[in-house]
Amino acid sequence: MPVAVVIPCYNEEDALPHLAATLKAVRTSLQPRYAPTFIFVNDGSTDNTAILLQELFGPCPDCEVTHLPQNIGIAGAILAGIRQTKAEVVCSIDSDCSYDPRELASMIPLLHENVHVVTASPYHPNGGVLDVSSWRLWLSRTASAMYRRVLHHKLATYTSCFRVYRRCAVADLPITDSRFAGVAEILGRLDLLGAHIVEYPTTLRARTSGQSKMKLCRTVFAQLAVLVRLICIRWFHPSVSSLRITSVTSVATVIEANPHQKHQEQTF
């Protein structure tokens, strides 16, 4: 089965060699059940990211490199990659491998016929966090708690970009924030459209190379703005989006880390 893996990259020259080595293991874990294509989206980088992407991945037949003329942000870059592929199953991962992309082999099978998104969740009781800065944890946990108050699904984590999407559900999704807050906005808008979202417990690790591009103050205000928009959509303009997801089941499913354990479901 064809599977696309979208990897947004912004000034990641230090992280790309480690990414290249890690993706070799990802190929091994996915094949032969899945036929992965890796789509690297250079999000207007100003360092040597563009050159390294071509050197490391350009010659690979299962890799595609796209260069955006200017930086639009992680959520916008992910959507650009999703819209580029024709594969119906599309994954998004961090270029710094702060989530282990080899776990895609466990996440993709959870995208059942009536599931639209599988999202990684370090804040789930069966998830974990290792060596991540306290300010980032505070921001992400606080934002997720606020999204739980607004949305139908009561997920532990809304801010992770490590996900598996059904392309038909997200390719035409409109978002107003293309940066870090847009990652949560994608999940929020899908929630309000009645999508079925599966949460996969995993571990978030601190990056080992390069620097985080997240700006604290900007991201705090952006998350608040996204929350206000989602509140307006849910309570005042429920038909503001023209997108309709077919075969919707309004159920939030939490998948335990142990695949042999029973699934927990919450119906709203």
C-alpha atoms as a PDB file:
ATOM      1  CA  MET A   1       0.000   0.000   0.000  1.00  0.00           C
ATOM      2  CA  PRO A   2       1.392   3.434  -0.912  1.00  0.00           C
ATOM      3  CA  VAL A   3       2.184   5.643   2.091  1.00  0.00           C
ATOM      4  CA  ALA A   4       3.544   9.186   1.942  1.00  0.00           C
ATOM      5  CA  VAL A   5       5.668  10.573   4.773  1.00  0.00           C
ATOM      6  CA  VAL A   6       5.812  14.387   4.845  1.00  0.00           C
ATOM      7  CA  ILE A   7       8.821  15.942   6.583  1.00  0.00           C
ATOM      8  CA  PRO A   8       8.848  19.750   6.998  1.00  0.00           C
ATOM      9  CA  CYS A   9      12.360  21.213   7.237  1.00  0.00           C
ATOM     10  CA  TYR A  10      13.298  24.738   8.264  1.00  0.00           C
ATOM     11  CA  ASN A  11      16.986  25.499   8.901  1.00  0.00           C
ATOM     12  CA  GLU A  12      17.678  21.876   9.832  1.00  0.00           C
ATOM     13  CA  GLU A  13      21.153  21.408   8.351  1.00  0.00           C
ATOM     14  CA  ASP A  14      22.456  20.008  11.665  1.00  0.00           C
ATOM     15  CA  ALA A  15      19.602  17.495  12.003  1.00  0.00           C
ATOM     16  CA  LEU A  16      19.500  16.115   8.450  1.00  0.00           C
ATOM     17  CA  PRO A  17      22.381  13.584   8.708  1.00  0.00           C
ATOM     18  CA  HIS A  18      20.695  11.973  11.733  1.00  0.00           C
ATOM     19  CA  LEU A  19      17.360  12.059   9.891  1.00  0.00           C
ATOM     20  CA  ALA A  20      18.892  10.293   6.881  1.00  0.00           C
ATOM     21  CA  ALA A  21      20.228   7.501   9.085  1.00  0.00           C
ATOM     22  CA  THR A  22      16.920   7.145  10.934  1.00  0.00           C
ATOM     23  CA  LEU A  23      14.858   6.933   7.743  1.00  0.00           C
ATOM     24  CA  LYS A  24      16.826   3.862   6.676  1.00  0.00           C
ATOM     25  CA  ALA A  25      15.376   2.087   9.707  1.00  0.00           C
ATOM     26  CA  VAL A  26      11.930   3.511   8.927  1.00  0.00           C
ATOM     27  CA  ARG A  27      12.057   1.991   5.435  1.00  0.00           C
ATOM     28  CA  THR A  28      12.940  -1.377   6.899  1.00  0.00           C
ATOM     29  CA  SER A  29      10.111  -1.218   9.443  1.00  0.00           C
ATOM     30  CA  LEU A  30       7.476  -0.273   6.833  1.00  0.00           C
ATOM     31  CA  GLN A  31       8.425  -2.568   3.983  1.00  0.00           C
ATOM     32  CA  PRO A  32       7.184  -4.788   2.438  1.00  0.00           C
ATOM     33  CA  ARG A  33       3.686  -4.145   3.836  1.00  0.00           C
ATOM     34  CA  TYR A  34       3.837  -0.466   2.845  1.00  0.00           C
ATOM     35  CA  ALA A  35       5.534   1.332  -0.032  1.00  0.00           C
ATOM     36  CA  PRO A  36       6.724   4.619   1.523  1.00  0.00           C
ATOM     37  CA  THR A  37       7.517   7.836  -0.318  1.00  0.00           C
ATOM     38  CA  PHE A  38       9.311  10.508   1.688  1.00  0.00           C
ATOM     39  CA  ILE A  39       8.354  14.093   0.852  1.00  0.00           C
ATOM     40  CA  PHE A  40      10.772  16.694   2.216  1.00  0.00           C
ATOM     41  CA  VAL A  41       9.369  20.219   2.294  1.00  0.00           C
ATOM     42  CA  ASN A  42      12.114  22.830   2.580  1.00  0.00           C
ATOM     43  CA  ASP A  43      10.186  25.635   4.261  1.00  0.00           C
ATOM     44  CA  GLY A  44      12.176  28.618   3.007  1.00  0.00           C
ATOM     45  CA  SER A  45      15.371  27.693   4.886  1.00  0.00           C
ATOM     46  CA  THR A  46      18.184  30.255   4.960  1.00  0.00           C
ATOM     47  CA  ASP A  47      21.003  27.848   5.889  1.00  0.00           C
ATOM     48  CA  ASN A  48      22.316  24.840   3.926  1.00  0.00           C
ATOM     49  CA  THR A  49      19.147  22.779   4.342  1.00  0.00           C
ATOM     50  CA  ALA A  50      18.263  22.974   0.639  1.00  0.00           C
ATOM     51  CA  ILE A  51      21.713  21.786  -0.442  1.00  0.00           C
ATOM     52  CA  LEU A  52      21.806  18.940   2.078  1.00  0.00           C
ATOM     53  CA  LEU A  53      18.305  17.769   1.163  1.00  0.00           C
ATOM     54  CA  GLN A  54      19.373  17.416  -2.460  1.00  0.00           C
ATOM     55  CA  GLU A  55      22.631  15.672  -1.534  1.00  0.00           C
ATOM     56  CA  LEU A  56      21.132  13.247   0.974  1.00  0.00           C
ATOM     57  CA  PHE A  57      17.744  12.495  -0.553  1.00  0.00           C
ATOM     58  CA  GLY A  58      17.663  13.833  -4.115  1.00  0.00           C
ATOM     59  CA  PRO A  59      19.159  10.670  -5.683  1.00  0.00           C
ATOM     60  CA  CYS A  60      16.773   8.339  -3.776  1.00  0.00           C
ATOM     61  CA  PRO A  61      13.912   7.013  -5.952  1.00  0.00           C
ATOM     62  CA  ASP A  62      11.501   6.995  -3.008  1.00  0.00           C
ATOM     63  CA  CYS A  63      12.230  10.611  -1.995  1.00  0.00           C
ATOM     64  CA  GLU A  64      10.828  13.915  -3.244  1.00  0.00           C
ATOM     65  CA  VAL A  65      12.222  17.321  -2.291  1.00  0.00           C
ATOM     66  CA  THR A  66      10.055  20.440  -2.527  1.00  0.00           C
ATOM     67  CA  HIS A  67      11.385  23.945  -1.930  1.00  0.00           C
ATOM     68  CA  LEU A  68       9.002  26.662  -0.744  1.00  0.00           C
ATOM     69  CA  PRO A  69      10.097  30.186  -1.753  1.00  0.00           C
ATOM     70  CA  GLN A  70       9.588  31.553   1.764  1.00  0.00           C
ATOM     71  CA  ASN A  71       9.008  30.294   5.273  1.00  0.00           C
ATOM     72  CA  ILE A  72       5.319  29.658   5.947  1.00  0.00           C
ATOM     73  CA  GLY A  73       5.533  27.550   9.115  1.00  0.00           C
ATOM     74  CA  ILE A  74       5.343  23.903  10.095  1.00  0.00           C
ATOM     75  CA  ALA A  75       1.578  23.435   9.657  1.00  0.00           C
ATOM     76  CA  GLY A  76       1.602  25.102   6.243  1.00  0.00           C
ATOM     77  CA  ALA A  77       4.589  23.023   5.128  1.00  0.00           C
ATOM     78  CA  ILE A  78       2.875  19.804   6.239  1.00  0.00           C
ATOM     79  CA  LEU A  79      -0.262  20.669   4.286  1.00  0.00           C
ATOM     80  CA  ALA A  80       1.844  21.584   1.247  1.00  0.00           C
ATOM     81  CA  GLY A  81       3.406  18.127   1.339  1.00  0.00           C
ATOM     82  CA  ILE A  82       0.045  16.424   1.837  1.00  0.00           C
ATOM     83  CA  ARG A  83      -1.408  18.238  -1.163  1.00  0.00           C
ATOM     84  CA  GLN A  84       1.573  17.227  -3.288  1.00  0.00           C
ATOM     85  CA  THR A  85       1.080  13.476  -2.904  1.00  0.00           C
ATOM     86  CA  LYS A  86      -1.625  11.249  -4.349  1.00  0.00           C
ATOM     87  CA  ALA A  87      -1.285   8.625  -1.608  1.00  0.00           C
ATOM     88  CA  GLU A  88      -4.399   8.310   0.532  1.00  0.00           C
ATOM     89  CA  VAL A  89      -2.418   7.493   3.682  1.00  0.00           C
ATOM     90  CA  VAL A  90      -0.141  10.407   4.596  1.00  0.00           C
ATOM     91  CA  CYS A  91       2.101  10.661   7.645  1.00  0.00           C
ATOM     92  CA  SER A  92       3.832  13.729   9.069  1.00  0.00           C
ATOM     93  CA  ILE A  93       6.968  13.568  11.207  1.00  0.00           C
ATOM     94  CA  ASP A  94       9.453  15.979  12.780  1.00  0.00           C
ATOM     95  CA  SER A  95      12.751  16.432  10.961  1.00  0.00           C
ATOM     96  CA  ASP A  96      14.583  16.338  14.312  1.00  0.00           C
ATOM     97  CA  CYS A  97      13.156  12.874  15.157  1.00  0.00           C
ATOM     98  CA  SER A  98      11.958  14.040  18.575  1.00  0.00           C
ATOM     99  CA  TYR A  99       9.291  11.391  18.031  1.00  0.00           C
ATOM    100  CA  ASP A 100      10.674   8.051  16.849  1.00  0.00           C
ATOM    101  CA  PRO A 101       9.428   7.768  13.231  1.00  0.00           C
ATOM    102  CA  ARG A 102       9.865   3.988  13.347  1.00  0.00           C
ATOM    103  CA  GLU A 103       6.609   3.953  15.326  1.00  0.00           C
ATOM    104  CA  LEU A 104       4.779   4.672  12.071  1.00  0.00           C
ATOM    105  CA  ALA A 105       4.766   0.905  11.579  1.00  0.00           C
ATOM    106  CA  SER A 106       2.467   0.691  14.625  1.00  0.00           C
ATOM    107  CA  MET A 107       0.448   3.842  13.915  1.00  0.00           C
ATOM    108  CA  ILE A 108      -0.526   3.250  10.282  1.00  0.00           C
ATOM    109  CA  PRO A 109      -2.495   0.035  10.980  1.00  0.00           C
ATOM    110  CA  LEU A 110      -4.700   2.064  13.374  1.00  0.00           C
ATOM    111  CA  LEU A 111      -6.030   4.103  10.443  1.00  0.00           C
ATOM    112  CA  HIS A 112      -9.055   1.875  10.031  1.00  0.00           C
ATOM    113  CA  GLU A 113     -11.764   2.525   7.449  1.00  0.00           C
ATOM    114  CA  ASN A 114     -13.716   4.925   9.671  1.00  0.00           C
ATOM    115  CA  VAL A 115     -10.633   6.643  11.167  1.00  0.00           C
ATOM    116  CA  HIS A 116      -9.405   9.949   9.736  1.00  0.00           C
ATOM    117  CA  VAL A 117      -6.363  10.736  11.908  1.00  0.00           C
ATOM    118  CA  VAL A 118      -3.974   8.873  14.188  1.00  0.00           C
ATOM    119  CA  THR A 119      -2.078  11.347  16.362  1.00  0.00           C
ATOM    120  CA  ALA A 120       0.880  10.695  18.654  1.00  0.00           C
ATOM    121  CA  SER A 121       0.338  11.541  22.304  1.00  0.00           C
ATOM    122  CA  PRO A 122       3.206  11.920  24.772  1.00  0.00           C
ATOM    123  CA  TYR A 123       0.842  13.247  27.463  1.00  0.00           C
ATOM    124  CA  HIS A 124      -1.357  10.160  27.398  1.00  0.00           C
ATOM    125  CA  PRO A 125      -1.000   8.105  30.625  1.00  0.00           C
ATOM    126  CA  ASN A 126       0.890   5.486  28.612  1.00  0.00           C
ATOM    127  CA  GLY A 127       3.069   8.076  26.867  1.00  0.00           C
ATOM    128  CA  GLY A 128       6.191   9.796  28.120  1.00  0.00           C
ATOM    129  CA  VAL A 129       8.539  12.779  27.895  1.00  0.00           C
ATOM    130  CA  LEU A 130      12.344  12.714  28.095  1.00  0.00           C
ATOM    131  CA  ASP A 131      14.582  15.756  28.661  1.00  0.00           C
ATOM    132  CA  VAL A 132      12.177  18.263  27.069  1.00  0.00           C
ATOM    133  CA  SER A 133      12.422  21.857  28.303  1.00  0.00           C
ATOM    134  CA  SER A 134       9.962  22.852  31.007  1.00  0.00           C
ATOM    135  CA  TRP A 135       8.620  25.861  29.088  1.00  0.00           C
ATOM    136  CA  ARG A 136       7.781  23.741  26.059  1.00  0.00           C
ATOM    137  CA  LEU A 137       6.025  21.176  28.246  1.00  0.00           C
ATOM    138  CA  TRP A 138       4.053  23.902  30.022  1.00  0.00           C
ATOM    139  CA  LEU A 139       2.952  25.456  26.747  1.00  0.00           C
ATOM    140  CA  SER A 140       1.962  22.179  25.124  1.00  0.00           C
ATOM    141  CA  ARG A 141       0.164  20.730  28.153  1.00  0.00           C
ATOM    142  CA  THR A 142      -1.707  23.977  28.814  1.00  0.00           C
ATOM    143  CA  ALA A 143      -2.771  24.309  25.185  1.00  0.00           C
ATOM    144  CA  SER A 144      -3.971  20.705  25.095  1.00  0.00           C
ATOM    145  CA  ALA A 145      -6.011  21.228  28.276  1.00  0.00           C
ATOM    146  CA  MET A 146      -7.704  24.257  26.720  1.00  0.00           C
ATOM    147  CA  TYR A 147      -8.467  22.400  23.489  1.00  0.00           C
ATOM    148  CA  ARG A 148     -10.128  19.645  25.520  1.00  0.00           C
ATOM    149  CA  ARG A 149     -12.535  22.253  26.913  1.00  0.00           C
ATOM    150  CA  VAL A 150     -13.484  23.447  23.433  1.00  0.00           C
ATOM    151  CA  LEU A 151     -13.541  20.311  21.278  1.00  0.00           C
ATOM    152  CA  HIS A 152     -15.568  17.101  21.220  1.00  0.00           C
ATOM    153  CA  HIS A 153     -12.615  14.743  21.587  1.00  0.00           C
ATOM    154  CA  LYS A 154     -10.914  14.689  24.972  1.00  0.00           C
ATOM    155  CA  LEU A 155      -7.402  13.884  23.819  1.00  0.00           C
ATOM    156  CA  ALA A 156      -4.338  14.120  26.024  1.00  0.00           C
ATOM    157  CA  THR A 157      -2.271  15.838  23.304  1.00  0.00           C
ATOM    158  CA  TYR A 158      -3.329  18.211  20.509  1.00  0.00           C
ATOM    159  CA  THR A 159       0.022  19.785  19.653  1.00  0.00           C
ATOM    160  CA  SER A 160       2.004  16.858  18.229  1.00  0.00           C
ATOM    161  CA  CYS A 161       2.725  16.953  14.485  1.00  0.00           C
ATOM    162  CA  PHE A 162       3.586  13.227  14.465  1.00  0.00           C
ATOM    163  CA  ARG A 163       0.439  11.907  12.805  1.00  0.00           C
ATOM    164  CA  VAL A 164      -1.101   9.635  10.193  1.00  0.00           C
ATOM    165  CA  TYR A 165      -3.831  11.236   8.082  1.00  0.00           C
ATOM    166  CA  ARG A 166      -6.375  10.093   5.582  1.00  0.00           C
ATOM    167  CA  ARG A 167      -5.587  12.510   2.751  1.00  0.00           C
ATOM    168  CA  CYS A 168      -9.207  13.033   1.703  1.00  0.00           C
ATOM    169  CA  ALA A 169      -9.977  14.421   5.171  1.00  0.00           C
ATOM    170  CA  VAL A 170      -7.199  17.000   5.374  1.00  0.00           C
ATOM    171  CA  ALA A 171      -5.958  17.981   1.886  1.00  0.00           C
ATOM    172  CA  ASP A 172      -8.536  20.756   1.433  1.00  0.00           C
ATOM    173  CA  LEU A 173      -8.763  21.740   5.091  1.00  0.00           C
ATOM    174  CA  PRO A 174      -8.595  25.529   5.599  1.00  0.00           C
ATOM    175  CA  ILE A 175      -6.416  26.799   8.444  1.00  0.00           C
ATOM    176  CA  THR A 176      -5.735  30.336   9.608  1.00  0.00           C
ATOM    177  CA  ASP A 177      -2.399  29.707  11.327  1.00  0.00           C
ATOM    178  CA  SER A 178       0.334  28.026   9.277  1.00  0.00           C
ATOM    179  CA  ARG A 179       2.894  27.850  12.100  1.00  0.00           C
ATOM    180  CA  PHE A 180       3.032  25.815  15.313  1.00  0.00           C
ATOM    181  CA  ALA A 181      -0.508  26.679  16.424  1.00  0.00           C
ATOM    182  CA  GLY A 182      -1.772  25.460  13.067  1.00  0.00           C
ATOM    183  CA  VAL A 183      -0.804  21.903  14.012  1.00  0.00           C
ATOM    184  CA  ALA A 184      -3.458  21.975  16.745  1.00  0.00           C
ATOM    185  CA  GLU A 185      -5.841  23.887  14.472  1.00  0.00           C
ATOM    186  CA  ILE A 186      -5.764  21.046  11.940  1.00  0.00           C
ATOM    187  CA  LEU A 187      -6.863  18.593  14.623  1.00  0.00           C
ATOM    188  CA  GLY A 188      -9.424  21.033  16.009  1.00  0.00           C
ATOM    189  CA  ARG A 189     -11.096  21.669  12.671  1.00  0.00           C
ATOM    190  CA  LEU A 190     -11.237  17.954  11.918  1.00  0.00           C
ATOM    191  CA  ASP A 191     -12.814  17.397  15.345  1.00  0.00           C
ATOM    192  CA  LEU A 192     -15.519  19.962  14.624  1.00  0.00           C
ATOM    193  CA  LEU A 193     -16.191  18.331  11.260  1.00  0.00           C
ATOM    194  CA  GLY A 194     -16.940  15.056  13.022  1.00  0.00           C
ATOM    195  CA  ALA A 195     -13.730  13.224  12.214  1.00  0.00           C
ATOM    196  CA  HIS A 196     -12.785  10.054  14.051  1.00  0.00           C
ATOM    197  CA  ILE A 197      -9.427  10.656  15.757  1.00  0.00           C
ATOM    198  CA  VAL A 198      -7.269   7.925  17.284  1.00  0.00           C
ATOM    199  CA  GLU A 199      -4.677   8.790  19.921  1.00  0.00           C
ATOM    200  CA  TYR A 200      -1.448   6.752  20.016  1.00  0.00           C
ATOM    201  CA  PRO A 201       0.670   6.948  23.202  1.00  0.00           C
ATOM    202  CA  THR A 202       4.349   7.553  22.490  1.00  0.00           C
ATOM    203  CA  THR A 203       7.463   9.247  23.889  1.00  0.00           C
ATOM    204  CA  LEU A 204       8.591  12.798  23.112  1.00  0.00           C
ATOM    205  CA  ARG A 205      12.350  13.342  23.371  1.00  0.00           C
ATOM    206  CA  ALA A 206      14.424  16.498  23.330  1.00  0.00           C
ATOM    207  CA  ARG A 207      16.101  17.157  20.006  1.00  0.00           C
ATOM    208  CA  THR A 208      19.746  16.113  19.854  1.00  0.00           C
ATOM    209  CA  SER A 209      20.845  18.508  17.089  1.00  0.00           C
ATOM    210  CA  GLY A 210      19.858  21.943  15.865  1.00  0.00           C
ATOM    211  CA  GLN A 211      17.579  24.374  17.664  1.00  0.00           C
ATOM    212  CA  SER A 212      13.842  24.617  18.133  1.00  0.00           C
ATOM    213  CA  LYS A 213      12.204  27.260  15.933  1.00  0.00           C
ATOM    214  CA  MET A 214       9.295  27.822  18.324  1.00  0.00           C
ATOM    215  CA  LYS A 215       8.961  31.364  19.719  1.00  0.00           C
ATOM    216  CA  LEU A 216       7.246  31.260  23.111  1.00  0.00           C
ATOM    217  CA  CYS A 217       5.278  34.535  23.118  1.00  0.00           C
ATOM    218  CA  ARG A 218       4.246  34.280  19.474  1.00  0.00           C
ATOM    219  CA  THR A 219       3.076  30.702  19.929  1.00  0.00           C
ATOM    220  CA  VAL A 220       1.098  31.484  23.109  1.00  0.00           C
ATOM    221  CA  PHE A 221      -0.875  34.251  21.392  1.00  0.00           C
ATOM    222  CA  ALA A 222      -1.312  32.141  18.260  1.00  0.00           C
ATOM    223  CA  GLN A 223      -2.738  29.233  20.282  1.00  0.00           C
ATOM    224  CA  LEU A 224      -5.189  31.586  21.993  1.00  0.00           C
ATOM    225  CA  ALA A 225      -6.257  32.983  18.611  1.00  0.00           C
ATOM    226  CA  VAL A 226      -6.844  29.470  17.263  1.00  0.00           C
ATOM    227  CA  LEU A 227      -8.902  28.590  20.344  1.00  0.00           C
ATOM    228  CA  VAL A 228     -11.105  31.650  19.820  1.00  0.00           C
ATOM    229  CA  ARG A 229     -11.651  30.690  16.173  1.00  0.00           C
ATOM    230  CA  LEU A 230     -12.605  27.149  17.097  1.00  0.00           C
ATOM    231  CA  ILE A 231     -15.019  28.407  19.770  1.00  0.00           C
ATOM    232  CA  CYS A 232     -16.659  30.652  17.174  1.00  0.00           C
ATOM    233  CA  ILE A 233     -16.939  27.768  14.716  1.00  0.00           C
ATOM    234  CA  ARG A 234     -18.462  25.393  17.255  1.00  0.00           C
ATOM    235  CA  TRP A 235     -20.963  27.688  18.929  1.00  0.00           C
ATOM    236  CA  PHE A 236     -21.650  30.525  16.490  1.00  0.00           C
ATOM    237  CA  HIS A 237     -20.796  29.365  12.960  1.00  0.00           C
ATOM    238  CA  PRO A 238     -21.070  25.564  12.890  1.00  0.00           C
ATOM    239  CA  SER A 239     -21.261  25.489   9.079  1.00  0.00           C
ATOM    240  CA  VAL A 240     -18.375  27.893   8.403  1.00  0.00           C
ATOM    241  CA  SER A 241     -16.278  25.208   6.687  1.00  0.00           C
ATOM    242  CA  SER A 242     -17.413  23.802   3.365  1.00  0.00           C
ATOM    243  CA  LEU A 243     -15.487  20.534   3.873  1.00  0.00           C
ATOM    244  CA  ARG A 244     -17.541  17.461   4.658  1.00  0.00           C
ATOM    245  CA  ILE A 245     -16.026  14.203   5.829  1.00  0.00           C
ATOM    246  CA  THR A 246     -17.886  11.111   4.707  1.00  0.00           C
ATOM    247  CA  SER A 247     -18.518   8.001   6.797  1.00  0.00           C
ATOM    248  CA  VAL A 248     -18.012   9.922  10.009  1.00  0.00           C
ATOM    249  CA  THR A 249     -18.253   8.220  13.367  1.00  0.00           C
ATOM    250  CA  SER A 250     -18.262  10.733  16.223  1.00  0.00           C
ATOM    251  CA  VAL A 251     -16.169   8.584  18.513  1.00  0.00           C
ATOM    252  CA  ALA A 252     -12.833   9.353  20.130  1.00  0.00           C
ATOM    253  CA  THR A 253     -10.711   6.244  20.480  1.00  0.00           C
ATOM    254  CA  VAL A 254      -7.664   5.991  22.692  1.00  0.00           C
ATOM    255  CA  ILE A 255      -5.275   3.231  21.710  1.00  0.00           C
ATOM    256  CA  GLU A 256      -3.192   1.830  24.527  1.00  0.00           C
ATOM    257  CA  ALA A 257       0.557   1.459  24.036  1.00  0.00           C
ATOM    258  CA  ASN A 258       0.248  -2.322  24.323  1.00  0.00           C
ATOM    259  CA  PRO A 259      -1.587  -3.475  21.152  1.00  0.00           C
ATOM    260  CA  HIS A 260      -2.946  -6.507  23.026  1.00  0.00           C
ATOM    261  CA  GLN A 261      -4.800  -4.327  25.506  1.00  0.00           C
ATOM    262  CA  LYS A 262      -8.435  -3.484  24.949  1.00  0.00           C
ATOM    263  CA  HIS A 263      -9.184  -0.185  23.192  1.00  0.00           C
ATOM    264  CA  GLN A 264     -10.900   2.519  25.209  1.00  0.00           C
ATOM    265  CA  GLU A 265     -13.679   4.462  23.491  1.00  0.00           C
ATOM    266  CA  GLN A 266     -15.540   7.614  24.443  1.00  0.00           C
ATOM    267  CA  THR A 267     -18.698   8.469  22.551  1.00  0.00           C
ATOM    268  CA  PHE A 268     -19.940  12.038  22.408  1.00  0.00           C
END
